[in-house]
Amino acid sequence: MLGKDTSPAISGIAGMGHILLTVALVFFFVCLHHRLRLDLTGTTRTETDEQTEVPPVDRTA
């Protein structure tokens, strides 16, 4: 600020903030891609789950 030196911790915090924003943005686009791919194939998530459904395990034995 106006010629005064700042602590290196400020730069570190700003850097970590940028890293977190980048990770969140990548996660957003991965989720968006997954959702759009499901919409383009015409199957919903529940239809996909029903096709790969595993029978329940009998735990009474």
PDB file of N, CA and C in Angstrom:
ATOM      1  N   MET A   1       0.830  -1.181   0.000  1.00  0.00           N
ATOM      2  CA  MET A   1       0.000   0.000   0.000  1.00  0.00           C
ATOM      3  C   MET A   1       0.871   1.240   0.000  1.00  0.00           C
ATOM      4  N   LEU A   2       0.897   1.927  -1.091  1.00  0.00           N
ATOM      5  CA  LEU A   2       1.583   3.207  -1.204  1.00  0.00           C
ATOM      6  C   LEU A   2       3.034   3.143  -0.731  1.00  0.00           C
ATOM      7  N   GLY A   3       3.759   2.174  -1.234  1.00  0.00           N
ATOM      8  CA  GLY A   3       5.173   2.072  -0.931  1.00  0.00           C
ATOM      9  C   GLY A   3       5.528   1.259   0.291  1.00  0.00           C
ATOM     10  N   LYS A   4       4.563   0.802   1.045  1.00  0.00           N
ATOM     11  CA  LYS A   4       4.858  -0.012   2.216  1.00  0.00           C
ATOM     12  C   LYS A   4       4.962  -1.475   1.812  1.00  0.00           C
ATOM     13  N   ASP A   5       5.892  -2.183   2.443  1.00  0.00           N
ATOM     14  CA  ASP A   5       6.053  -3.605   2.184  1.00  0.00           C
ATOM     15  C   ASP A   5       4.935  -4.385   2.881  1.00  0.00           C
ATOM     16  N   THR A   6       4.528  -5.451   2.217  1.00  0.00           N
ATOM     17  CA  THR A   6       3.510  -6.317   2.818  1.00  0.00           C
ATOM     18  C   THR A   6       4.150  -7.638   3.206  1.00  0.00           C
ATOM     19  N   SER A   7       3.493  -8.318   4.077  1.00  0.00           N
ATOM     20  CA  SER A   7       3.989  -9.594   4.561  1.00  0.00           C
ATOM     21  C   SER A   7       3.879 -10.652   3.459  1.00  0.00           C
ATOM     22  N   PRO A   8       4.838 -11.574   3.389  1.00  0.00           N
ATOM     23  CA  PRO A   8       4.721 -12.666   2.421  1.00  0.00           C
ATOM     24  C   PRO A   8       3.503 -13.559   2.681  1.00  0.00           C
ATOM     25  N   ALA A   9       2.966 -13.501   3.892  1.00  0.00           N
ATOM     26  CA  ALA A   9       1.773 -14.294   4.198  1.00  0.00           C
ATOM     27  C   ALA A   9       0.586 -13.840   3.362  1.00  0.00           C
ATOM     28  N   ILE A  10       0.505 -12.557   3.056  1.00  0.00           N
ATOM     29  CA  ILE A  10      -0.579 -12.041   2.217  1.00  0.00           C
ATOM     30  C   ILE A  10      -0.507 -12.663   0.836  1.00  0.00           C
ATOM     31  N   SER A  11       0.677 -12.748   0.272  1.00  0.00           N
ATOM     32  CA  SER A  11       0.849 -13.369  -1.040  1.00  0.00           C
ATOM     33  C   SER A  11       0.502 -14.855  -0.993  1.00  0.00           C
ATOM     34  N   GLY A  12       0.871 -15.510   0.093  1.00  0.00           N
ATOM     35  CA  GLY A  12       0.552 -16.929   0.246  1.00  0.00           C
ATOM     36  C   GLY A  12      -0.938 -17.179   0.341  1.00  0.00           C
ATOM     37  N   ILE A  13      -1.626 -16.349   1.090  1.00  0.00           N
ATOM     38  CA  ILE A  13      -3.077 -16.491   1.220  1.00  0.00           C
ATOM     39  C   ILE A  13      -3.754 -16.228  -0.115  1.00  0.00           C
ATOM     40  N   ALA A  14      -3.303 -15.202  -0.832  1.00  0.00           N
ATOM     41  CA  ALA A  14      -3.870 -14.905  -2.147  1.00  0.00           C
ATOM     42  C   ALA A  14      -3.616 -16.062  -3.117  1.00  0.00           C
ATOM     43  N   GLY A  15      -2.432 -16.636  -3.050  1.00  0.00           N
ATOM     44  CA  GLY A  15      -2.116 -17.780  -3.912  1.00  0.00           C
ATOM     45  C   GLY A  15      -2.987 -18.984  -3.614  1.00  0.00           C
ATOM     46  N   MET A  16      -3.194 -19.271  -2.336  1.00  0.00           N
ATOM     47  CA  MET A  16      -4.062 -20.388  -1.957  1.00  0.00           C
ATOM     48  C   MET A  16      -5.503 -20.141  -2.404  1.00  0.00           C
ATOM     49  N   GLY A  17      -5.939 -18.898  -2.321  1.00  0.00           N
ATOM     50  CA  GLY A  17      -7.280 -18.560  -2.788  1.00  0.00           C
ATOM     51  C   GLY A  17      -7.430 -18.810  -4.270  1.00  0.00           C
ATOM     52  N   HIS A  18      -6.423 -18.457  -5.046  1.00  0.00           N
ATOM     53  CA  HIS A  18      -6.469 -18.696  -6.488  1.00  0.00           C
ATOM     54  C   HIS A  18      -6.449 -20.196  -6.803  1.00  0.00           C
ATOM     55  N   ILE A  19      -5.692 -20.948  -6.056  1.00  0.00           N
ATOM     56  CA  ILE A  19      -5.658 -22.402  -6.261  1.00  0.00           C
ATOM     57  C   ILE A  19      -7.029 -23.003  -5.968  1.00  0.00           C
ATOM     58  N   LEU A  20      -7.651 -22.590  -4.864  1.00  0.00           N
ATOM     59  CA  LEU A  20      -8.982 -23.107  -4.520  1.00  0.00           C
ATOM     60  C   LEU A  20     -10.013 -22.732  -5.577  1.00  0.00           C
ATOM     61  N   LEU A  21      -9.951 -21.509  -6.097  1.00  0.00           N
ATOM     62  CA  LEU A  21     -10.865 -21.103  -7.166  1.00  0.00           C
ATOM     63  C   LEU A  21     -10.669 -21.954  -8.414  1.00  0.00           C
ATOM     64  N   THR A  22      -9.432 -22.261  -8.751  1.00  0.00           N
ATOM     65  CA  THR A  22      -9.147 -23.086  -9.919  1.00  0.00           C
ATOM     66  C   THR A  22      -9.689 -24.496  -9.747  1.00  0.00           C
ATOM     67  N   VAL A  23      -9.493 -25.079  -8.573  1.00  0.00           N
ATOM     68  CA  VAL A  23     -10.011 -26.422  -8.300  1.00  0.00           C
ATOM     69  C   VAL A  23     -11.535 -26.428  -8.376  1.00  0.00           C
ATOM     70  N   ALA A  24     -12.176 -25.401  -7.815  1.00  0.00           N
ATOM     71  CA  ALA A  24     -13.638 -25.320  -7.856  1.00  0.00           C
ATOM     72  C   ALA A  24     -14.130 -25.175  -9.293  1.00  0.00           C
ATOM     73  N   LEU A  25     -13.446 -24.408 -10.110  1.00  0.00           N
ATOM     74  CA  LEU A  25     -13.847 -24.219 -11.503  1.00  0.00           C
ATOM     75  C   LEU A  25     -13.707 -25.517 -12.290  1.00  0.00           C
ATOM     76  N   VAL A  26     -12.637 -26.253 -12.069  1.00  0.00           N
ATOM     77  CA  VAL A  26     -12.456 -27.547 -12.739  1.00  0.00           C
ATOM     78  C   VAL A  26     -13.548 -28.512 -12.303  1.00  0.00           C
ATOM     79  N   PHE A  27     -13.856 -28.559 -11.012  1.00  0.00           N
ATOM     80  CA  PHE A  27     -14.910 -29.430 -10.505  1.00  0.00           C
ATOM     81  C   PHE A  27     -16.258 -29.068 -11.118  1.00  0.00           C
ATOM     82  N   PHE A  28     -16.524 -27.772 -11.254  1.00  0.00           N
ATOM     83  CA  PHE A  28     -17.766 -27.316 -11.867  1.00  0.00           C
ATOM     84  C   PHE A  28     -17.879 -27.830 -13.297  1.00  0.00           C
ATOM     85  N   PHE A  29     -16.826 -27.699 -14.090  1.00  0.00           N
ATOM     86  CA  PHE A  29     -16.888 -28.132 -15.484  1.00  0.00           C
ATOM     87  C   PHE A  29     -16.962 -29.652 -15.614  1.00  0.00           C
ATOM     88  N   VAL A  30     -16.353 -30.384 -14.701  1.00  0.00           N
ATOM     89  CA  VAL A  30     -16.472 -31.846 -14.719  1.00  0.00           C
ATOM     90  C   VAL A  30     -17.915 -32.245 -14.436  1.00  0.00           C
ATOM     91  N   CYS A  31     -18.536 -31.611 -13.441  1.00  0.00           N
ATOM     92  CA  CYS A  31     -19.942 -31.902 -13.134  1.00  0.00           C
ATOM     93  C   CYS A  31     -20.849 -31.503 -14.290  1.00  0.00           C
ATOM     94  N   LEU A  32     -20.575 -30.368 -14.901  1.00  0.00           N
ATOM     95  CA  LEU A  32     -21.372 -29.909 -16.035  1.00  0.00           C
ATOM     96  C   LEU A  32     -21.248 -30.872 -17.208  1.00  0.00           C
ATOM     97  N   HIS A  33     -20.044 -31.341 -17.481  1.00  0.00           N
ATOM     98  CA  HIS A  33     -19.833 -32.299 -18.568  1.00  0.00           C
ATOM     99  C   HIS A  33     -20.593 -33.591 -18.297  1.00  0.00           C
ATOM    100  N   HIS A  34     -20.531 -34.063 -17.069  1.00  0.00           N
ATOM    101  CA  HIS A  34     -21.220 -35.303 -16.706  1.00  0.00           C
ATOM    102  C   HIS A  34     -22.728 -35.147 -16.897  1.00  0.00           C
ATOM    103  N   ARG A  35     -23.263 -34.032 -16.453  1.00  0.00           N
ATOM    104  CA  ARG A  35     -24.704 -33.792 -16.571  1.00  0.00           C
ATOM    105  C   ARG A  35     -25.130 -33.661 -18.040  1.00  0.00           C
ATOM    106  N   LEU A  36     -24.355 -32.949 -18.835  1.00  0.00           N
ATOM    107  CA  LEU A  36     -24.694 -32.789 -20.249  1.00  0.00           C
ATOM    108  C   LEU A  36     -24.582 -34.103 -21.000  1.00  0.00           C
ATOM    109  N   ARG A  37     -23.605 -34.919 -20.639  1.00  0.00           N
ATOM    110  CA  ARG A  37     -23.462 -36.219 -21.289  1.00  0.00           C
ATOM    111  C   ARG A  37     -24.671 -37.100 -21.009  1.00  0.00           C
ATOM    112  N   LEU A  38     -25.183 -37.055 -19.776  1.00  0.00           N
ATOM    113  CA  LEU A  38     -26.381 -37.823 -19.451  1.00  0.00           C
ATOM    114  C   LEU A  38     -27.583 -37.304 -20.230  1.00  0.00           C
ATOM    115  N   ASP A  39     -27.706 -35.993 -20.381  1.00  0.00           N
ATOM    116  CA  ASP A  39     -28.828 -35.423 -21.115  1.00  0.00           C
ATOM    117  C   ASP A  39     -28.754 -35.772 -22.595  1.00  0.00           C
ATOM    118  N   LEU A  40     -27.559 -35.821 -23.158  1.00  0.00           N
ATOM    119  CA  LEU A  40     -27.414 -36.108 -24.587  1.00  0.00           C
ATOM    120  C   LEU A  40     -27.694 -37.569 -24.918  1.00  0.00           C
ATOM    121  N   THR A  41     -27.423 -38.467 -23.988  1.00  0.00           N
ATOM    122  CA  THR A  41     -27.670 -39.884 -24.252  1.00  0.00           C
ATOM    123  C   THR A  41     -29.127 -40.247 -24.035  1.00  0.00           C
ATOM    124  N   GLY A  42     -29.891 -39.375 -23.407  1.00  0.00           N
ATOM    125  CA  GLY A  42     -31.311 -39.624 -23.205  1.00  0.00           C
ATOM    126  C   GLY A  42     -31.624 -40.502 -22.019  1.00  0.00           C
ATOM    127  N   THR A  43     -30.633 -40.862 -21.255  1.00  0.00           N
ATOM    128  CA  THR A  43     -30.881 -41.675 -20.061  1.00  0.00           C
ATOM    129  C   THR A  43     -30.750 -40.786 -18.843  1.00  0.00           C
ATOM    130  N   THR A  44     -31.539 -41.084 -17.869  1.00  0.00           N
ATOM    131  CA  THR A  44     -31.422 -40.345 -16.616  1.00  0.00           C
ATOM    132  C   THR A  44     -30.548 -41.136 -15.661  1.00  0.00           C
ATOM    133  N   ARG A  45     -30.223 -40.527 -14.588  1.00  0.00           N
ATOM    134  CA  ARG A  45     -29.371 -41.197 -13.619  1.00  0.00           C
ATOM    135  C   ARG A  45     -30.074 -42.409 -13.024  1.00  0.00           C
ATOM    136  N   THR A  46     -31.367 -42.325 -12.769  1.00  0.00           N
ATOM    137  CA  THR A  46     -32.076 -43.456 -12.174  1.00  0.00           C
ATOM    138  C   THR A  46     -32.161 -44.622 -13.146  1.00  0.00           C
ATOM    139  N   GLU A  47     -32.315 -44.340 -14.448  1.00  0.00           N
ATOM    140  CA  GLU A  47     -32.326 -45.428 -15.434  1.00  0.00           C
ATOM    141  C   GLU A  47     -30.968 -46.117 -15.483  1.00  0.00           C
ATOM    142  N   THR A  48     -29.913 -45.349 -15.400  1.00  0.00           N
ATOM    143  CA  THR A  48     -28.568 -45.922 -15.408  1.00  0.00           C
ATOM    144  C   THR A  48     -28.352 -46.762 -14.165  1.00  0.00           C
ATOM    145  N   ASP A  49     -28.818 -46.280 -13.010  1.00  0.00           N
ATOM    146  CA  ASP A  49     -28.670 -47.030 -11.759  1.00  0.00           C
ATOM    147  C   ASP A  49     -29.467 -48.333 -11.801  1.00  0.00           C
ATOM    148  N   GLU A  50     -30.662 -48.305 -12.404  1.00  0.00           N
ATOM    149  CA  GLU A  50     -31.476 -49.513 -12.469  1.00  0.00           C
ATOM    150  C   GLU A  50     -30.830 -50.562 -13.367  1.00  0.00           C
ATOM    151  N   GLN A  51     -30.125 -50.140 -14.403  1.00  0.00           N
ATOM    152  CA  GLN A  51     -29.473 -51.088 -15.301  1.00  0.00           C
ATOM    153  C   GLN A  51     -28.303 -51.780 -14.618  1.00  0.00           C
ATOM    154  N   THR A  52     -27.656 -51.109 -13.696  1.00  0.00           N
ATOM    155  CA  THR A  52     -26.480 -51.676 -13.028  1.00  0.00           C
ATOM    156  C   THR A  52     -26.780 -52.037 -11.584  1.00  0.00           C
ATOM    157  N   GLU A  53     -28.038 -52.244 -11.276  1.00  0.00           N
ATOM    158  CA  GLU A  53     -28.424 -52.503  -9.888  1.00  0.00           C
ATOM    159  C   GLU A  53     -27.908 -53.859  -9.421  1.00  0.00           C
ATOM    160  N   VAL A  54     -27.372 -53.876  -8.231  1.00  0.00           N
ATOM    161  CA  VAL A  54     -26.852 -55.096  -7.621  1.00  0.00           C
ATOM    162  C   VAL A  54     -27.933 -55.630  -6.689  1.00  0.00           C
ATOM    163  N   PRO A  55     -28.212 -56.942  -6.742  1.00  0.00           N
ATOM    164  CA  PRO A  55     -29.247 -57.472  -5.852  1.00  0.00           C
ATOM    165  C   PRO A  55     -28.849 -57.316  -4.391  1.00  0.00           C
ATOM    166  N   PRO A  56     -29.814 -57.105  -3.494  1.00  0.00           N
ATOM    167  CA  PRO A  56     -29.486 -56.931  -2.082  1.00  0.00           C
ATOM    168  C   PRO A  56     -28.922 -58.216  -1.479  1.00  0.00           C
ATOM    169  N   VAL A  57     -28.101 -58.036  -0.463  1.00  0.00           N
ATOM    170  CA  VAL A  57     -27.466 -59.149   0.213  1.00  0.00           C
ATOM    171  C   VAL A  57     -28.361 -59.589   1.365  1.00  0.00           C
ATOM    172  N   ASP A  58     -28.591 -60.913   1.493  1.00  0.00           N
ATOM    173  CA  ASP A  58     -29.378 -61.458   2.588  1.00  0.00           C
ATOM    174  C   ASP A  58     -28.485 -61.611   3.804  1.00  0.00           C
ATOM    175  N   ARG A  59     -28.669 -60.805   4.819  1.00  0.00           N
ATOM    176  CA  ARG A  59     -27.817 -60.809   6.006  1.00  0.00           C
ATOM    177  C   ARG A  59     -28.415 -61.592   7.169  1.00  0.00           C
ATOM    178  N   THR A  60     -29.519 -62.301   6.921  1.00  0.00           N
ATOM    179  CA  THR A  60     -30.141 -63.041   8.002  1.00  0.00           C
ATOM    180  C   THR A  60     -29.494 -64.398   8.232  1.00  0.00           C
ATOM    181  N   ALA A  61     -28.699 -64.861   7.300  1.00  0.00           N
ATOM    182  CA  ALA A  61     -28.114 -66.193   7.418  1.00  0.00           C
ATOM    183  C   ALA A  61     -26.908 -66.205   8.305  1.00  0.00           C
TER     184      ALA A  61
END
